[in-house]
Amino acid sequence: MTLTTRITTLLDIEHPVIQGGMAWTATAELSAAVSNAGGIGVIGAGHMPTDLLREQIQLAKELTDRPFGINLMLLTPHIDDIVAMVLEEHVPMVTTGAGNPAKYMGPLKDAGIIVIPIVPSVALAKRMESIGADAIIGEGMEAGGHIGELTTMVLTPQLVDAVDIPVIAAGGIADGRGAAAAFALGAEGVQLGTRFMCAEECTIHPAVKGQVLKARDRDTIVTGRSTGHPVRVLKNKLARQIMELDRDNRPADIEALGAGKLAQAMRQGDIEMGSLMAGQSAAMVSCIEPAASIVEGIVGEAEETLRRLGAWAGQ
C-alpha cells in the first residue's frame, strides 16, 4: 500500500506528512530534515524578523533540494515585508494562520506558490476555497498553540464534505494510528507539530523537549480564552498565572504577560515562565529520534493499520 493522495501530487512529495510550522520551533534544520524524509517541512515565521527568516529559507535550500514551506502568521506587524521576501525567495509552499490571506493570495499564486490556509471551521474553509486556496489544513483543538473549538475527529469529515480541495488533518495526531484515522475520515494528508518537537533536528532547548517527554494525558491546558485567542500549552507557572488572569477577565494583562514568552521557552529553555506551546499528543511522545525515523514510523504504521482494517472489513 502506498499513501498517494492529491496532497502528495500537489506538493510533489513522497508521503502525505506535513510538519507543522511552529514559531521559534520549526527552523530550517527541522524543516529540511522532514522534507528529506519524503514529507514536507515548514519553517515557522511567527514574529521572526524578515532578514532572519530569509536566512532560514536560504539555509533550508542548502540542506534540502526537496520542497519545503513557510508558515505565515498573518497578524505579524511586518507581514507585508515577509510576504514580499517569500516571493523573492520563491518558496514552494506557504501555510497561513491567524488572519485572512486574501490580500496575498493573488501575488502568491501568480508566483507559483502553493497556498494552504489553516482553518478551525467549515465557514472559513469554504471562504478559503472561494479565494483560491490549493488545500486546507483543518486543525482541531487538540493541537498546541492557537486553537479553535472543534476537535479533529468532528472537524475533518465536515471539511471533507464542505469543500472540493484536499483536506489535511491536524491536531492530536502523533503516530500512524492517528494518521490512519484521519485518512478514514477523508483527509488526504496529516500535519504534526508536537511530535516533531522531539526530532533530533529540532533546535528547541533540550529542557523543553524534556517537558514534552514527561507529559501525561492531562498535562496541557487552554489559556487566554478571555483574549479571544486561546492557546494550548503544557502546564507551568506562566500558564497558571494566565489562567488566574483569565478568571478575572483581564485580557490586556494576559497579552502583556505573554509577550515574548514563546521564544523564552523554545530558545532559552525557560520551562517555568516561558510559553510551552504543545498539543495533547505530547503524552504520546516517548523518545527523541531523527525526523526521518518519525516520518517512516508514521507512514509504516498508517499503512499497516489501513491494511489490517481493510482485511477486517473484508471478513
Protein backbone atom coordinates (compact mmCIF):
# COMPACT_ATOMS: atom_id res chain seq x y z
CA MET A 1 0.00 0.00 0.00
CA THR A 2 1.26 3.47 -0.90
CA LEU A 3 -0.26 6.57 0.67
CA THR A 4 -0.54 8.56 -2.56
CA THR A 5 -3.12 11.35 -2.44
CA ARG A 6 -3.86 14.67 -4.07
CA ILE A 7 -1.61 16.22 -1.42
CA THR A 8 1.44 14.18 -2.41
CA THR A 9 0.82 15.14 -6.05
CA LEU A 10 0.17 18.81 -5.27
CA LEU A 11 3.30 19.21 -3.16
CA ASP A 12 5.49 16.78 -5.14
CA ILE A 13 6.29 14.76 -2.01
CA GLU A 14 6.52 11.06 -1.28
CA HIS A 15 4.42 10.92 1.89
CA PRO A 16 1.34 12.99 2.86
CA VAL A 17 3.01 14.14 6.08
CA ILE A 18 3.34 17.86 6.81
CA GLN A 19 5.42 19.18 9.70
CA GLY A 20 3.62 21.99 11.48
CA GLY A 21 5.16 25.46 11.12
CA MET A 22 5.67 26.17 14.82
CA ALA A 23 7.12 29.61 15.59
CA TRP A 24 10.56 29.58 17.26
CA THR A 25 10.48 25.77 16.97
CA ALA A 26 10.29 24.77 13.31
CA THR A 27 13.60 26.03 11.95
CA ALA A 28 15.41 25.29 8.70
CA GLU A 29 17.19 22.29 10.22
CA LEU A 30 13.96 20.51 11.19
CA SER A 31 12.06 21.50 8.08
CA ALA A 32 14.79 20.32 5.73
CA ALA A 33 15.06 17.01 7.59
CA VAL A 34 11.32 16.34 7.22
CA SER A 35 11.46 17.25 3.52
CA ASN A 36 14.47 14.99 3.01
CA ALA A 37 12.45 12.19 4.64
CA GLY A 38 9.76 12.46 1.97
CA GLY A 39 7.25 14.65 3.80
CA ILE A 40 7.30 18.42 3.70
CA GLY A 41 8.86 20.63 6.35
CA VAL A 42 7.52 24.07 7.20
CA ILE A 43 9.55 26.88 8.77
CA GLY A 44 7.58 28.83 11.38
CA ALA A 45 7.83 32.55 10.59
CA GLY A 46 5.92 33.80 13.64
CA HIS A 47 7.17 37.28 14.50
CA MET A 48 10.66 36.49 13.19
CA PRO A 49 12.49 39.50 11.69
CA THR A 50 12.37 39.41 7.89
CA ASP A 51 16.14 39.19 7.45
CA LEU A 52 16.39 36.29 9.90
CA LEU A 53 13.59 34.45 8.12
CA ARG A 54 15.37 34.96 4.80
CA GLU A 55 18.48 33.38 6.34
CA GLN A 56 16.36 30.43 7.46
CA ILE A 57 14.94 29.99 3.96
CA GLN A 58 18.37 30.12 2.39
CA LEU A 59 19.70 27.61 4.92
CA ALA A 60 16.82 25.25 4.13
CA LYS A 61 17.72 25.48 0.45
CA GLU A 62 21.25 24.42 1.32
CA LEU A 63 20.04 21.49 3.44
CA THR A 64 17.46 20.05 1.03
CA ASP A 65 16.64 20.02 -2.65
CA ARG A 66 13.07 18.92 -1.84
CA PRO A 67 10.03 21.19 -1.47
CA PHE A 68 9.56 22.97 1.86
CA GLY A 69 7.25 25.67 3.13
CA ILE A 70 6.81 28.69 5.38
CA ASN A 71 4.03 29.24 7.89
CA LEU A 72 2.88 32.86 7.72
CA MET A 73 1.26 34.27 10.85
CA LEU A 74 -0.84 36.97 9.26
CA LEU A 75 -1.19 39.08 12.43
CA THR A 76 2.55 39.74 12.42
CA PRO A 77 3.04 43.54 12.16
CA HIS A 78 5.59 43.24 9.34
CA ILE A 79 3.72 40.56 7.38
CA ASP A 80 3.82 42.66 4.18
CA ASP A 81 7.62 42.61 4.25
CA ILE A 82 7.68 38.88 4.98
CA VAL A 83 5.39 38.07 2.05
CA ALA A 84 7.47 40.22 -0.29
CA MET A 85 10.60 38.35 0.80
CA VAL A 86 8.90 34.95 0.40
CA LEU A 87 8.02 35.96 -3.16
CA GLU A 88 11.63 36.95 -3.82
CA GLU A 89 12.91 33.65 -2.46
CA HIS A 90 10.40 31.58 -4.47
CA VAL A 91 9.40 29.40 -1.52
CA PRO A 92 7.43 26.41 -2.90
CA MET A 93 4.56 26.47 -0.41
CA VAL A 94 3.08 28.56 2.39
CA THR A 95 0.61 27.74 5.11
CA THR A 96 -1.25 30.62 6.71
CA GLY A 97 -2.83 31.23 10.09
CA ALA A 98 -4.07 33.96 12.43
CA GLY A 99 -5.77 36.00 9.75
CA ASN A 100 -7.20 36.14 6.25
CA PRO A 101 -4.69 35.56 3.42
CA ALA A 102 -6.97 37.09 0.74
CA LYS A 103 -4.73 40.15 0.35
CA TYR A 104 -1.75 37.98 -0.55
CA MET A 105 -3.44 35.15 -2.42
CA GLY A 106 -3.09 36.72 -5.87
CA PRO A 107 0.63 37.54 -5.67
CA LEU A 108 1.46 34.17 -4.09
CA LYS A 109 -0.50 32.17 -6.66
CA ASP A 110 0.88 34.27 -9.53
CA ALA A 111 4.37 33.36 -8.34
CA GLY A 112 3.51 29.66 -8.46
CA ILE A 113 3.47 29.30 -4.66
CA ILE A 114 1.05 26.74 -3.23
CA VAL A 115 -1.17 28.31 -0.54
CA ILE A 116 -2.68 26.15 2.21
CA PRO A 117 -4.55 28.06 4.96
CA ILE A 118 -5.09 26.59 8.42
CA VAL A 119 -8.77 26.67 9.37
CA PRO A 120 -10.74 25.78 12.52
CA SER A 121 -14.22 25.82 10.97
CA VAL A 122 -16.29 24.90 7.92
CA ALA A 123 -17.24 28.52 7.18
CA LEU A 124 -13.62 29.61 6.97
CA ALA A 125 -12.71 26.58 4.86
CA LYS A 126 -15.36 27.49 2.31
CA ARG A 127 -14.13 31.06 2.23
CA MET A 128 -10.54 29.96 1.68
CA GLU A 129 -11.59 27.70 -1.18
CA SER A 130 -13.51 30.58 -2.76
CA ILE A 131 -10.43 32.84 -2.84
CA GLY A 132 -8.18 30.21 -4.42
CA ALA A 133 -6.59 28.09 -1.68
CA ASP A 134 -4.95 24.95 -3.08
CA ALA A 135 -5.83 22.87 0.00
CA ILE A 136 -6.73 23.48 3.63
CA ILE A 137 -5.39 22.29 6.97
CA GLY A 138 -8.24 21.58 9.38
CA GLU A 139 -6.80 21.97 12.86
CA GLY A 140 -8.65 20.58 15.85
CA MET A 141 -8.48 21.95 19.37
CA GLU A 142 -6.18 19.09 20.46
CA ALA A 143 -3.32 20.96 18.78
CA GLY A 144 -0.73 23.08 20.53
CA GLY A 145 -0.63 26.86 20.23
CA HIS A 146 -3.61 28.85 18.99
CA ILE A 147 -6.69 26.67 18.66
CA GLY A 148 -10.35 26.71 17.67
CA GLU A 149 -13.32 24.99 19.32
CA LEU A 150 -13.87 21.80 17.31
CA THR A 151 -11.99 18.52 17.70
CA THR A 152 -10.10 16.96 14.82
CA MET A 153 -12.48 13.99 14.81
CA VAL A 154 -15.56 16.10 14.09
CA LEU A 155 -13.91 18.89 12.08
CA THR A 156 -12.17 16.73 9.48
CA PRO A 157 -15.17 14.94 7.95
CA GLN A 158 -17.20 18.15 7.89
CA LEU A 159 -14.44 19.90 5.97
CA VAL A 160 -14.14 16.98 3.55
CA ASP A 161 -17.87 17.22 2.85
CA ALA A 162 -17.84 21.01 2.54
CA VAL A 163 -15.00 21.67 0.07
CA ASP A 164 -13.63 20.13 -3.09
CA ILE A 165 -9.97 20.92 -2.44
CA PRO A 166 -7.86 18.46 -0.41
CA VAL A 167 -8.09 18.50 3.37
CA ILE A 168 -5.11 17.95 5.67
CA ALA A 169 -5.99 16.93 9.24
CA ALA A 170 -4.10 18.41 12.19
CA GLY A 171 -4.39 18.28 15.95
CA GLY A 172 -3.83 15.27 18.20
CA ILE A 173 -2.00 13.19 15.59
CA ALA A 174 1.30 11.73 16.74
CA ASP A 175 1.58 8.33 15.11
CA GLY A 176 0.40 6.16 12.26
CA ARG A 177 -2.80 5.17 14.03
CA GLY A 178 -3.85 8.81 14.19
CA ALA A 179 -2.85 9.30 10.56
CA ALA A 180 -4.91 6.25 9.51
CA ALA A 181 -7.90 7.63 11.43
CA ALA A 182 -7.55 10.94 9.61
CA PHE A 183 -7.42 9.19 6.24
CA ALA A 184 -10.51 7.19 7.19
CA LEU A 185 -12.28 10.50 7.85
CA GLY A 186 -11.45 11.65 4.33
CA ALA A 187 -8.28 13.65 4.90
CA GLU A 188 -5.59 13.39 2.23
CA GLY A 189 -2.71 14.41 4.45
CA VAL A 190 -1.81 14.90 8.10
CA GLN A 191 0.06 17.68 9.85
CA LEU A 192 2.03 17.00 13.03
CA GLY A 193 3.67 19.60 15.22
CA THR A 194 4.20 18.34 18.76
CA ARG A 195 5.68 15.01 17.64
CA PHE A 196 8.39 16.82 15.68
CA MET A 197 9.37 18.89 18.72
CA CYS A 198 11.30 15.80 19.81
CA ALA A 199 13.02 15.20 16.49
CA GLU A 200 16.80 15.22 16.78
CA GLU A 201 16.95 18.02 14.22
CA CYS A 202 14.55 20.25 16.17
CA THR A 203 16.69 23.01 17.68
CA ILE A 204 14.48 23.96 20.64
CA HIS A 205 16.09 23.92 24.07
CA PRO A 206 16.62 20.40 25.48
CA ALA A 207 14.70 21.37 28.62
CA VAL A 208 11.56 21.89 26.54
CA LYS A 209 11.99 18.50 24.87
CA GLY A 210 12.24 17.05 28.36
CA GLN A 211 8.90 18.58 29.31
CA VAL A 212 7.25 17.08 26.23
CA LEU A 213 8.66 13.65 27.03
CA LYS A 214 7.41 13.91 30.63
CA ALA A 215 3.90 15.00 29.64
CA ARG A 216 0.93 12.86 30.61
CA ASP A 217 -2.59 12.80 29.22
CA ARG A 218 -3.90 15.84 31.16
CA ASP A 219 -0.76 17.97 31.22
CA THR A 220 -1.90 20.55 28.67
CA ILE A 221 -4.38 23.33 29.33
CA VAL A 222 -6.01 26.04 27.26
CA THR A 223 -5.08 29.56 28.32
CA GLY A 224 -6.06 33.05 27.19
CA ARG A 225 -9.72 32.38 26.44
CA SER A 226 -10.65 35.89 27.59
CA THR A 227 -8.43 37.38 24.86
CA GLY A 228 -10.40 35.65 22.11
CA HIS A 229 -7.25 33.81 21.03
CA PRO A 230 -6.98 30.69 23.21
CA VAL A 231 -3.67 28.86 23.33
CA ARG A 232 -2.93 25.26 24.35
CA VAL A 233 0.25 24.84 26.40
CA LEU A 234 1.89 22.48 28.83
CA LYS A 235 1.16 23.39 32.43
CA ASN A 236 3.76 25.58 34.16
CA LYS A 237 3.97 28.71 36.29
CA LEU A 238 3.22 31.05 33.39
CA ALA A 239 0.16 29.02 32.39
CA ARG A 240 -1.20 29.14 35.93
CA GLN A 241 -0.73 32.92 36.09
CA ILE A 242 -2.54 33.36 32.79
CA MET A 243 -5.39 31.15 33.97
CA GLU A 244 -5.80 33.40 37.02
CA LEU A 245 -5.96 36.46 34.77
CA ASP A 246 -8.48 34.63 32.58
CA ARG A 247 -10.72 34.05 35.60
CA ASP A 248 -10.54 37.77 36.39
CA ASN A 249 -11.26 38.65 32.72
CA ARG A 250 -8.06 40.66 32.25
CA PRO A 251 -7.14 40.10 28.57
CA ALA A 252 -4.86 43.12 28.32
CA ASP A 253 -2.76 41.84 31.20
CA ILE A 254 -2.60 38.42 29.58
CA GLU A 255 -1.29 39.92 26.33
CA ALA A 256 1.37 41.86 28.25
CA LEU A 257 2.43 38.87 30.33
CA GLY A 258 2.62 36.55 27.33
CA ALA A 259 4.69 38.82 25.10
CA GLY A 260 7.94 37.13 24.07
CA LYS A 261 7.29 34.08 26.22
CA LEU A 262 7.31 31.54 23.37
CA ALA A 263 10.88 32.37 22.36
CA GLN A 264 11.79 32.50 26.05
CA ALA A 265 10.80 28.85 26.33
CA MET A 266 11.87 27.40 23.00
CA ARG A 267 15.17 29.23 22.54
CA GLN A 268 16.23 29.98 26.14
CA GLY A 269 14.81 26.93 27.88
CA ASP A 270 12.70 28.72 30.49
CA ILE A 271 10.23 25.95 31.32
CA GLU A 272 8.53 27.86 34.15
CA MET A 273 7.88 31.35 32.75
CA GLY A 274 8.16 30.53 29.04
CA SER A 275 5.19 29.54 26.89
CA LEU A 276 5.35 25.77 26.37
CA MET A 277 3.04 25.54 23.37
CA ALA A 278 2.33 21.86 22.73
CA GLY A 279 -0.65 19.71 21.90
CA GLN A 280 -2.44 16.95 23.76
CA SER A 281 -0.41 14.44 21.76
CA ALA A 282 2.63 15.36 23.88
CA ALA A 283 1.63 12.46 26.13
CA MET A 284 2.19 10.12 23.16
CA VAL A 285 5.77 11.28 22.53
CA SER A 286 8.20 8.94 24.26
CA CYS A 287 11.58 9.44 22.62
CA ILE A 288 13.87 11.73 20.68
CA GLU A 289 14.74 10.36 17.25
CA PRO A 290 15.64 11.59 13.75
CA ALA A 291 12.88 13.24 11.73
CA ALA A 292 13.30 10.54 9.09
CA SER A 293 12.51 7.86 11.66
CA ILE A 294 9.41 9.76 12.76
CA VAL A 295 8.13 10.07 9.20
CA GLU A 296 8.96 6.44 8.42
CA GLY A 297 7.22 5.27 11.57
CA ILE A 298 4.06 7.28 10.90
CA VAL A 299 3.78 6.13 7.29
CA GLY A 300 4.59 2.50 8.05
CA GLU A 301 2.15 2.27 10.95
CA ALA A 302 -0.58 4.05 8.97
CA GLU A 303 -0.18 1.67 6.04
CA GLU A 304 -0.23 -1.36 8.33
CA THR A 305 -3.29 -0.07 10.19
CA LEU A 306 -5.19 0.56 6.97
CA ARG A 307 -4.21 -2.89 5.66
CA ARG A 308 -5.40 -4.52 8.87
CA LEU A 309 -8.68 -2.62 8.81
CA GLY A 310 -9.16 -3.48 5.14
CA ALA A 311 -8.66 -7.16 5.88
CA TRP A 312 -11.02 -6.95 8.85
CA ALA A 313 -13.68 -5.23 6.72
CA GLY A 314 -13.38 -7.97 4.13
CA GLN A 315 -14.07 -10.80 6.57
